[in-house]
PDB file of all heavy atoms in Angstrom:
ATOM      1  N   VAL A   1       3.880 -39.480 147.842  1.00  0.00           N
ATOM      2  CA  VAL A   1       3.947 -39.996 146.453  1.00  0.00           C
ATOM      3  C   VAL A   1       2.883 -40.972 146.129  1.00  0.00           C
ATOM      4  O   VAL A   1       2.442 -41.138 144.981  1.00  0.00           O
ATOM      5  CB  VAL A   1       5.361 -40.611 146.287  1.00  0.00           C
ATOM      6  CG1 VAL A   1       5.449 -41.418 144.941  1.00  0.00           C
ATOM      7  CG2 VAL A   1       6.522 -39.528 146.255  1.00  0.00           C
ATOM      8  N   ASN A   2       2.331 -41.624 147.198  1.00  0.00           N
ATOM      9  CA  ASN A   2       1.304 -42.578 146.949  1.00  0.00           C
ATOM     10  C   ASN A   2       0.010 -41.950 146.511  1.00  0.00           C
ATOM     11  O   ASN A   2      -0.912 -42.688 146.019  1.00  0.00           O
ATOM     12  CB  ASN A   2       1.038 -43.416 148.216  1.00  0.00           C
ATOM     13  CG  ASN A   2       2.152 -44.357 148.617  1.00  0.00           C
ATOM     14  OD1 ASN A   2       2.948 -44.030 149.474  1.00  0.00           O
ATOM     15  ND2 ASN A   2       2.194 -45.475 147.826  1.00  0.00           N
ATOM     16  N   TYR A   3      -0.139 -40.627 146.621  1.00  0.00           N
ATOM     17  CA  TYR A   3      -1.283 -39.962 146.102  1.00  0.00           C
ATOM     18  C   TYR A   3      -1.214 -39.809 144.603  1.00  0.00           C
ATOM     19  O   TYR A   3      -2.253 -39.394 143.947  1.00  0.00           O
ATOM     20  CB  TYR A   3      -1.541 -38.594 146.759  1.00  0.00           C
ATOM     21  CG  TYR A   3      -2.123 -38.682 148.137  1.00  0.00           C
ATOM     22  CD1 TYR A   3      -1.325 -38.608 149.333  1.00  0.00           C
ATOM     23  CD2 TYR A   3      -3.448 -38.781 148.278  1.00  0.00           C
ATOM     24  CE1 TYR A   3      -1.827 -38.802 150.533  1.00  0.00           C
ATOM     25  CE2 TYR A   3      -4.064 -38.842 149.544  1.00  0.00           C
ATOM     26  CZ  TYR A   3      -3.218 -38.812 150.675  1.00  0.00           C
ATOM     27  OH  TYR A   3      -3.748 -38.896 151.951  1.00  0.00           O
ATOM     28  N   LEU A   4      -0.168 -40.117 143.929  1.00  0.00           N
ATOM     29  CA  LEU A   4      -0.040 -40.152 142.521  1.00  0.00           C
ATOM     30  C   LEU A   4      -0.528 -41.481 142.083  1.00  0.00           C
ATOM     31  O   LEU A   4       0.164 -42.508 142.287  1.00  0.00           O
ATOM     32  CB  LEU A   4       1.396 -39.844 142.099  1.00  0.00           C
ATOM     33  CG  LEU A   4       1.988 -38.502 142.573  1.00  0.00           C
ATOM     34  CD1 LEU A   4       3.500 -38.405 142.298  1.00  0.00           C
ATOM     35  CD2 LEU A   4       1.173 -37.321 142.017  1.00  0.00           C
ATOM     36  N   LEU A   5      -1.577 -41.590 141.271  1.00  0.00           N
ATOM     37  CA  LEU A   5      -2.327 -42.803 141.050  1.00  0.00           C
ATOM     38  C   LEU A   5      -1.928 -43.500 139.702  1.00  0.00           C
ATOM     39  O   LEU A   5      -2.294 -44.672 139.494  1.00  0.00           O
ATOM     40  CB  LEU A   5      -3.789 -42.627 141.073  1.00  0.00           C
ATOM     41  CG  LEU A   5      -4.373 -41.895 142.356  1.00  0.00           C
ATOM     42  CD1 LEU A   5      -5.852 -41.873 142.304  1.00  0.00           C
ATOM     43  CD2 LEU A   5      -3.986 -42.779 143.638  1.00  0.00           C
ATOM     44  N   GLU A   6      -1.284 -42.847 138.810  1.00  0.00           N
ATOM     45  CA  GLU A   6      -0.956 -43.354 137.524  1.00  0.00           C
ATOM     46  C   GLU A   6       0.605 -43.388 137.342  1.00  0.00           C
ATOM     47  O   GLU A   6       1.270 -42.498 137.855  1.00  0.00           O
ATOM     48  CB  GLU A   6      -1.553 -42.608 136.382  1.00  0.00           C
ATOM     49  CG  GLU A   6      -3.106 -42.580 136.472  1.00  0.00           C
ATOM     50  CD  GLU A   6      -3.789 -43.861 136.230  1.00  0.00           C
ATOM     51  OE1 GLU A   6      -3.090 -44.757 135.652  1.00  0.00           O
ATOM     52  OE2 GLU A   6      -4.919 -44.069 136.647  1.00  0.00           O
ATOM     53  N   ASP A   7       1.133 -44.287 136.567  1.00  0.00           N
ATOM     54  CA  ASP A   7       2.535 -44.347 136.277  1.00  0.00           C
ATOM     55  C   ASP A   7       3.015 -43.053 135.766  1.00  0.00           C
ATOM     56  O   ASP A   7       4.090 -42.426 136.212  1.00  0.00           O
ATOM     57  CB  ASP A   7       2.916 -45.451 135.324  1.00  0.00           C
ATOM     58  CG  ASP A   7       2.661 -46.837 135.683  1.00  0.00           C
ATOM     59  OD1 ASP A   7       2.223 -47.043 136.899  1.00  0.00           O
ATOM     60  OD2 ASP A   7       2.959 -47.817 134.991  1.00  0.00           O
ATOM     61  N   GLU A   8       2.253 -42.464 134.826  1.00  0.00           N
ATOM     62  CA  GLU A   8       2.768 -41.191 134.211  1.00  0.00           C
ATOM     63  C   GLU A   8       2.718 -40.059 135.224  1.00  0.00           C
ATOM     64  O   GLU A   8       3.468 -39.093 135.111  1.00  0.00           O
ATOM     65  CB  GLU A   8       1.852 -40.884 132.961  1.00  0.00           C
ATOM     66  CG  GLU A   8       2.393 -39.693 132.187  1.00  0.00           C
ATOM     67  CD  GLU A   8       3.827 -39.843 131.713  1.00  0.00           C
ATOM     68  OE1 GLU A   8       4.207 -40.942 131.353  1.00  0.00           O
ATOM     69  OE2 GLU A   8       4.548 -38.860 131.869  1.00  0.00           O
ATOM     70  N   ASP A   9       1.820 -40.105 136.222  1.00  0.00           N
ATOM     71  CA  ASP A   9       1.838 -39.077 137.293  1.00  0.00           C
ATOM     72  C   ASP A   9       3.114 -39.109 138.032  1.00  0.00           C
ATOM     73  O   ASP A   9       3.764 -38.059 138.300  1.00  0.00           O
ATOM     74  CB  ASP A   9       0.645 -39.285 138.202  1.00  0.00           C
ATOM     75  CG  ASP A   9      -0.668 -38.969 137.587  1.00  0.00           C
ATOM     76  OD1 ASP A   9      -0.791 -38.178 136.657  1.00  0.00           O
ATOM     77  OD2 ASP A   9      -1.711 -39.531 138.049  1.00  0.00           O
ATOM     78  N   VAL A  10       3.613 -40.296 138.353  1.00  0.00           N
ATOM     79  CA  VAL A  10       4.751 -40.468 139.227  1.00  0.00           C
ATOM     80  C   VAL A  10       5.979 -39.991 138.297  1.00  0.00           C
ATOM     81  O   VAL A  10       6.803 -39.169 138.745  1.00  0.00           O
ATOM     82  CB  VAL A  10       5.030 -41.850 139.691  1.00  0.00           C
ATOM     83  CG1 VAL A  10       6.285 -41.896 140.515  1.00  0.00           C
ATOM     84  CG2 VAL A  10       3.828 -42.384 140.459  1.00  0.00           C
ATOM     85  N   ILE A  11       5.985 -40.411 137.053  1.00  0.00           N
ATOM     86  CA  ILE A  11       7.103 -40.051 136.218  1.00  0.00           C
ATOM     87  C   ILE A  11       7.164 -38.511 135.983  1.00  0.00           C
ATOM     88  O   ILE A  11       8.248 -37.935 135.987  1.00  0.00           O
ATOM     89  CB  ILE A  11       6.993 -40.788 134.882  1.00  0.00           C
ATOM     90  CG1 ILE A  11       7.233 -42.271 135.000  1.00  0.00           C
ATOM     91  CG2 ILE A  11       8.067 -40.252 133.883  1.00  0.00           C
ATOM     92  CD1 ILE A  11       6.857 -43.183 133.833  1.00  0.00           C
ATOM     93  N   GLN A  12       5.980 -37.921 135.790  1.00  0.00           N
ATOM     94  CA  GLN A  12       5.971 -36.484 135.639  1.00  0.00           C
ATOM     95  C   GLN A  12       6.454 -35.754 136.838  1.00  0.00           C
ATOM     96  O   GLN A  12       7.209 -34.758 136.731  1.00  0.00           O
ATOM     97  CB  GLN A  12       4.547 -36.022 135.274  1.00  0.00           C
ATOM     98  CG  GLN A  12       4.330 -34.549 135.048  1.00  0.00           C
ATOM     99  CD  GLN A  12       5.142 -33.958 133.965  1.00  0.00           C
ATOM    100  OE1 GLN A  12       5.529 -34.711 132.979  1.00  0.00           O
ATOM    101  NE2 GLN A  12       5.505 -32.671 134.023  1.00  0.00           N
ATOM    102  N   CYS A  13       6.059 -36.149 137.987  1.00  0.00           N
ATOM    103  CA  CYS A  13       6.546 -35.560 139.296  1.00  0.00           C
ATOM    104  C   CYS A  13       8.056 -35.729 139.329  1.00  0.00           C
ATOM    105  O   CYS A  13       8.745 -34.655 139.650  1.00  0.00           O
ATOM    106  CB  CYS A  13       5.890 -36.237 140.455  1.00  0.00           C
ATOM    107  SG  CYS A  13       6.531 -35.766 142.042  1.00  0.00           S
ATOM    108  N   PHE A  14       8.597 -36.878 139.048  1.00  0.00           N
ATOM    109  CA  PHE A  14       9.996 -37.091 139.022  1.00  0.00           C
ATOM    110  C   PHE A  14      10.764 -36.275 138.015  1.00  0.00           C
ATOM    111  O   PHE A  14      11.891 -35.948 138.336  1.00  0.00           O
ATOM    112  CB  PHE A  14      10.346 -38.607 139.010  1.00  0.00           C
ATOM    113  CG  PHE A  14       9.924 -39.452 140.131  1.00  0.00           C
ATOM    114  CD1 PHE A  14       9.383 -38.849 141.242  1.00  0.00           C
ATOM    115  CD2 PHE A  14      10.217 -40.824 140.177  1.00  0.00           C
ATOM    116  CE1 PHE A  14       8.983 -39.699 142.360  1.00  0.00           C
ATOM    117  CE2 PHE A  14       9.853 -41.614 141.231  1.00  0.00           C
ATOM    118  CZ  PHE A  14       9.241 -41.030 142.363  1.00  0.00           C
ATOM    119  N   ARG A  15      10.146 -36.111 136.887  1.00  0.00           N
ATOM    120  CA  ARG A  15      10.732 -35.262 135.890  1.00  0.00           C
ATOM    121  C   ARG A  15      10.907 -33.863 136.329  1.00  0.00           C
ATOM    122  O   ARG A  15      11.878 -33.131 136.132  1.00  0.00           O
ATOM    123  CB  ARG A  15       9.973 -35.368 134.597  1.00  0.00           C
ATOM    124  CG  ARG A  15      10.201 -36.555 133.718  1.00  0.00           C
ATOM    125  CD  ARG A  15       9.253 -36.621 132.527  1.00  0.00           C
ATOM    126  NE  ARG A  15       9.500 -37.832 131.709  1.00  0.00           N
ATOM    127  CZ  ARG A  15       8.587 -38.344 130.940  1.00  0.00           C
ATOM    128  NH1 ARG A  15       7.324 -37.883 130.849  1.00  0.00           N
ATOM    129  NH2 ARG A  15       8.851 -39.414 130.183  1.00  0.00           N
ATOM    130  N   GLN A  16       9.870 -33.381 137.003  1.00  0.00           N
ATOM    131  CA  GLN A  16       9.914 -31.958 137.526  1.00  0.00           C
ATOM    132  C   GLN A  16      11.005 -31.839 138.597  1.00  0.00           C
ATOM    133  O   GLN A  16      11.680 -30.877 138.681  1.00  0.00           O
ATOM    134  CB  GLN A  16       8.541 -31.533 138.078  1.00  0.00           C
ATOM    135  CG  GLN A  16       7.497 -31.426 136.992  1.00  0.00           C
ATOM    136  CD  GLN A  16       7.852 -30.468 135.922  1.00  0.00           C
ATOM    137  OE1 GLN A  16       8.135 -30.920 134.767  1.00  0.00           O
ATOM    138  NE2 GLN A  16       7.922 -29.157 136.178  1.00  0.00           N
ATOM    139  N   VAL A  17      11.010 -32.934 139.504  1.00  0.00           N
ATOM    140  CA  VAL A  17      12.145 -32.895 140.475  1.00  0.00           C
ATOM    141  C   VAL A  17      13.428 -32.809 139.815  1.00  0.00           C
ATOM    142  O   VAL A  17      14.325 -32.035 140.192  1.00  0.00           O
ATOM    143  CB  VAL A  17      11.942 -34.140 141.389  1.00  0.00           C
ATOM    144  CG1 VAL A  17      13.212 -34.399 142.213  1.00  0.00           C
ATOM    145  CG2 VAL A  17      10.707 -34.045 142.244  1.00  0.00           C
ATOM    146  N   ASN A  18      13.643 -33.635 138.786  1.00  0.00           N
ATOM    147  CA  ASN A  18      14.978 -33.742 138.118  1.00  0.00           C
ATOM    148  C   ASN A  18      15.293 -32.364 137.421  1.00  0.00           C
ATOM    149  O   ASN A  18      16.465 -31.941 137.474  1.00  0.00           O
ATOM    150  CB  ASN A  18      14.879 -34.844 137.083  1.00  0.00           C
ATOM    151  CG  ASN A  18      16.277 -35.165 136.464  1.00  0.00           C
ATOM    152  OD1 ASN A  18      17.266 -35.141 137.165  1.00  0.00           O
ATOM    153  ND2 ASN A  18      16.330 -35.361 135.153  1.00  0.00           N
ATOM    154  N   MET A  19      14.251 -31.734 136.904  1.00  0.00           N
ATOM    155  CA  MET A  19      14.448 -30.419 136.180  1.00  0.00           C
ATOM    156  C   MET A  19      14.963 -29.375 137.159  1.00  0.00           C
ATOM    157  O   MET A  19      15.880 -28.594 136.821  1.00  0.00           O
ATOM    158  CB  MET A  19      13.122 -29.990 135.613  1.00  0.00           C
ATOM    159  CG  MET A  19      13.236 -28.657 134.898  1.00  0.00           C
ATOM    160  SD  MET A  19      11.624 -28.046 134.270  1.00  0.00           S
ATOM    161  CE  MET A  19      11.126 -29.367 133.218  1.00  0.00           C
ATOM    162  N   PHE A  20      14.445 -29.366 138.386  1.00  0.00           N
ATOM    163  CA  PHE A  20      14.797 -28.320 139.291  1.00  0.00           C
ATOM    164  C   PHE A  20      15.983 -28.727 140.290  1.00  0.00           C
ATOM    165  O   PHE A  20      16.313 -27.797 141.143  1.00  0.00           O
ATOM    166  CB  PHE A  20      13.562 -27.803 140.069  1.00  0.00           C
ATOM    167  CG  PHE A  20      12.608 -27.033 139.112  1.00  0.00           C
ATOM    168  CD1 PHE A  20      11.516 -27.580 138.581  1.00  0.00           C
ATOM    169  CD2 PHE A  20      12.959 -25.715 138.894  1.00  0.00           C
ATOM    170  CE1 PHE A  20      10.695 -26.846 137.825  1.00  0.00           C
ATOM    171  CE2 PHE A  20      12.207 -24.997 138.004  1.00  0.00           C
ATOM    172  CZ  PHE A  20      11.014 -25.527 137.470  1.00  0.00           C
ATOM    173  N   LEU A  21      16.445 -29.908 140.267  1.00  0.00           N
ATOM    174  CA  LEU A  21      17.593 -30.272 141.118  1.00  0.00           C
ATOM    175  C   LEU A  21      18.843 -29.623 140.616  1.00  0.00           C
ATOM    176  O   LEU A  21      19.209 -29.572 139.439  1.00  0.00           O
ATOM    177  CB  LEU A  21      17.684 -31.777 141.169  1.00  0.00           C
ATOM    178  CG  LEU A  21      16.922 -32.568 142.234  1.00  0.00           C
ATOM    179  CD1 LEU A  21      17.115 -34.029 141.987  1.00  0.00           C
ATOM    180  CD2 LEU A  21      17.176 -32.105 143.581  1.00  0.00           C
ATOM    181  N   PHE A  22      19.579 -29.157 141.537  1.00  0.00           N
ATOM    182  CA  PHE A  22      20.927 -28.609 141.281  1.00  0.00           C
ATOM    183  C   PHE A  22      21.748 -29.818 140.785  1.00  0.00           C
ATOM    184  O   PHE A  22      21.491 -30.937 141.074  1.00  0.00           O
ATOM    185  CB  PHE A  22      21.592 -28.153 142.587  1.00  0.00           C
ATOM    186  CG  PHE A  22      22.871 -27.368 142.463  1.00  0.00           C
ATOM    187  CD1 PHE A  22      22.795 -25.943 142.348  1.00  0.00           C
ATOM    188  CD2 PHE A  22      24.068 -27.970 142.561  1.00  0.00           C
ATOM    189  CE1 PHE A  22      24.049 -25.224 142.166  1.00  0.00           C
ATOM    190  CE2 PHE A  22      25.285 -27.212 142.395  1.00  0.00           C
ATOM    191  CZ  PHE A  22      25.263 -25.873 142.233  1.00  0.00           C
ATOM    192  N   PRO A  23      22.791 -29.561 139.918  1.00  0.00           N
ATOM    193  CA  PRO A  23      23.622 -30.632 139.485  1.00  0.00           C
ATOM    194  C   PRO A  23      24.094 -31.575 140.568  1.00  0.00           C
ATOM    195  O   PRO A  23      24.644 -31.100 141.533  1.00  0.00           O
ATOM    196  CB  PRO A  23      24.825 -29.917 138.760  1.00  0.00           C
ATOM    197  CG  PRO A  23      24.234 -28.662 138.211  1.00  0.00           C
ATOM    198  CD  PRO A  23      23.149 -28.263 139.313  1.00  0.00           C
ATOM    199  N   ARG A  24      23.802 -32.858 140.338  1.00  0.00           N
ATOM    200  CA  ARG A  24      24.116 -33.918 141.411  1.00  0.00           C
ATOM    201  C   ARG A  24      23.244 -33.711 142.696  1.00  0.00           C
ATOM    202  O   ARG A  24      23.617 -34.312 143.699  1.00  0.00           O
ATOM    203  CB  ARG A  24      25.629 -33.949 141.796  1.00  0.00           C
ATOM    204  CG  ARG A  24      26.482 -34.086 140.602  1.00  0.00           C
ATOM    205  CD  ARG A  24      26.299 -35.379 139.817  1.00  0.00           C
ATOM    206  NE  ARG A  24      26.866 -36.545 140.530  1.00  0.00           N
ATOM    207  CZ  ARG A  24      26.683 -37.770 140.071  1.00  0.00           C
ATOM    208  NH1 ARG A  24      25.898 -38.044 139.074  1.00  0.00           N
ATOM    209  NH2 ARG A  24      27.263 -38.794 140.767  1.00  0.00           N
ATOM    210  N   GLY A  25      22.180 -32.916 142.573  1.00  0.00           N
ATOM    211  CA  GLY A  25      21.268 -32.722 143.750  1.00  0.00           C
ATOM    212  C   GLY A  25      20.618 -34.057 144.057  1.00  0.00           C
ATOM    213  O   GLY A  25      20.453 -34.995 143.379  1.00  0.00           O
ATOM    214  N   LEU A  26      20.145 -34.100 145.372  1.00  0.00           N
ATOM    215  CA  LEU A  26      19.625 -35.227 146.028  1.00  0.00           C
ATOM    216  C   LEU A  26      18.111 -35.246 146.059  1.00  0.00           C
ATOM    217  O   LEU A  26      17.485 -34.273 146.362  1.00  0.00           O
ATOM    218  CB  LEU A  26      20.217 -35.413 147.395  1.00  0.00           C
ATOM    219  CG  LEU A  26      19.925 -36.658 148.170  1.00  0.00           C
ATOM    220  CD1 LEU A  26      20.592 -37.871 147.448  1.00  0.00           C
ATOM    221  CD2 LEU A  26      20.551 -36.491 149.629  1.00  0.00           C
ATOM    222  N   PHE A  27      17.506 -36.418 145.749  1.00  0.00           N
ATOM    223  CA  PHE A  27      16.059 -36.564 145.857  1.00  0.00           C
ATOM    224  C   PHE A  27      15.821 -37.701 146.835  1.00  0.00           C
ATOM    225  O   PHE A  27      16.264 -38.887 146.618  1.00  0.00           O
ATOM    226  CB  PHE A  27      15.350 -36.878 144.478  1.00  0.00           C
ATOM    227  CG  PHE A  27      13.958 -37.136 144.466  1.00  0.00           C
ATOM    228  CD1 PHE A  27      13.149 -36.389 145.372  1.00  0.00           C
ATOM    229  CD2 PHE A  27      13.305 -38.052 143.706  1.00  0.00           C
ATOM    230  CE1 PHE A  27      11.703 -36.630 145.353  1.00  0.00           C
ATOM    231  CE2 PHE A  27      11.961 -38.279 143.613  1.00  0.00           C
ATOM    232  CZ  PHE A  27      11.088 -37.565 144.496  1.00  0.00           C
ATOM    233  N   LEU A  28      15.085 -37.482 147.877  1.00  0.00           N
ATOM    234  CA  LEU A  28      14.791 -38.510 148.970  1.00  0.00           C
ATOM    235  C   LEU A  28      13.266 -38.566 149.100  1.00  0.00           C
ATOM    236  O   LEU A  28      12.571 -37.532 149.164  1.00  0.00           O
ATOM    237  CB  LEU A  28      15.376 -38.117 150.295  1.00  0.00           C
ATOM    238  CG  LEU A  28      16.859 -37.838 150.301  1.00  0.00           C
ATOM    239  CD1 LEU A  28      17.246 -37.155 151.710  1.00  0.00           C
ATOM    240  CD2 LEU A  28      17.669 -39.032 150.061  1.00  0.00           C
ATOM    241  N   PHE A  29      12.661 -39.830 149.123  1.00  0.00           N
ATOM    242  CA  PHE A  29      11.277 -39.922 149.231  1.00  0.00           C
ATOM    243  C   PHE A  29      10.928 -41.337 149.824  1.00  0.00           C
ATOM    244  O   PHE A  29      11.742 -42.276 149.748  1.00  0.00           O
ATOM    245  CB  PHE A  29      10.523 -39.715 147.905  1.00  0.00           C
ATOM    246  CG  PHE A  29      10.791 -40.812 146.873  1.00  0.00           C
ATOM    247  CD1 PHE A  29       9.959 -41.871 146.706  1.00  0.00           C
ATOM    248  CD2 PHE A  29      11.918 -40.776 146.043  1.00  0.00           C
ATOM    249  CE1 PHE A  29      10.193 -42.871 145.769  1.00  0.00           C
ATOM    250  CE2 PHE A  29      12.221 -41.834 145.089  1.00  0.00           C
ATOM    251  CZ  PHE A  29      11.291 -42.875 144.993  1.00  0.00           C
TER     252      PHE A  29
END
């Protein structure tokens, strides 16, 4: 995750994670 250099890069990555997580799915990082 540290290779994402801008706030919006991190948020965009997390949005994609959220989009593809199963309901109540887990995100660990």
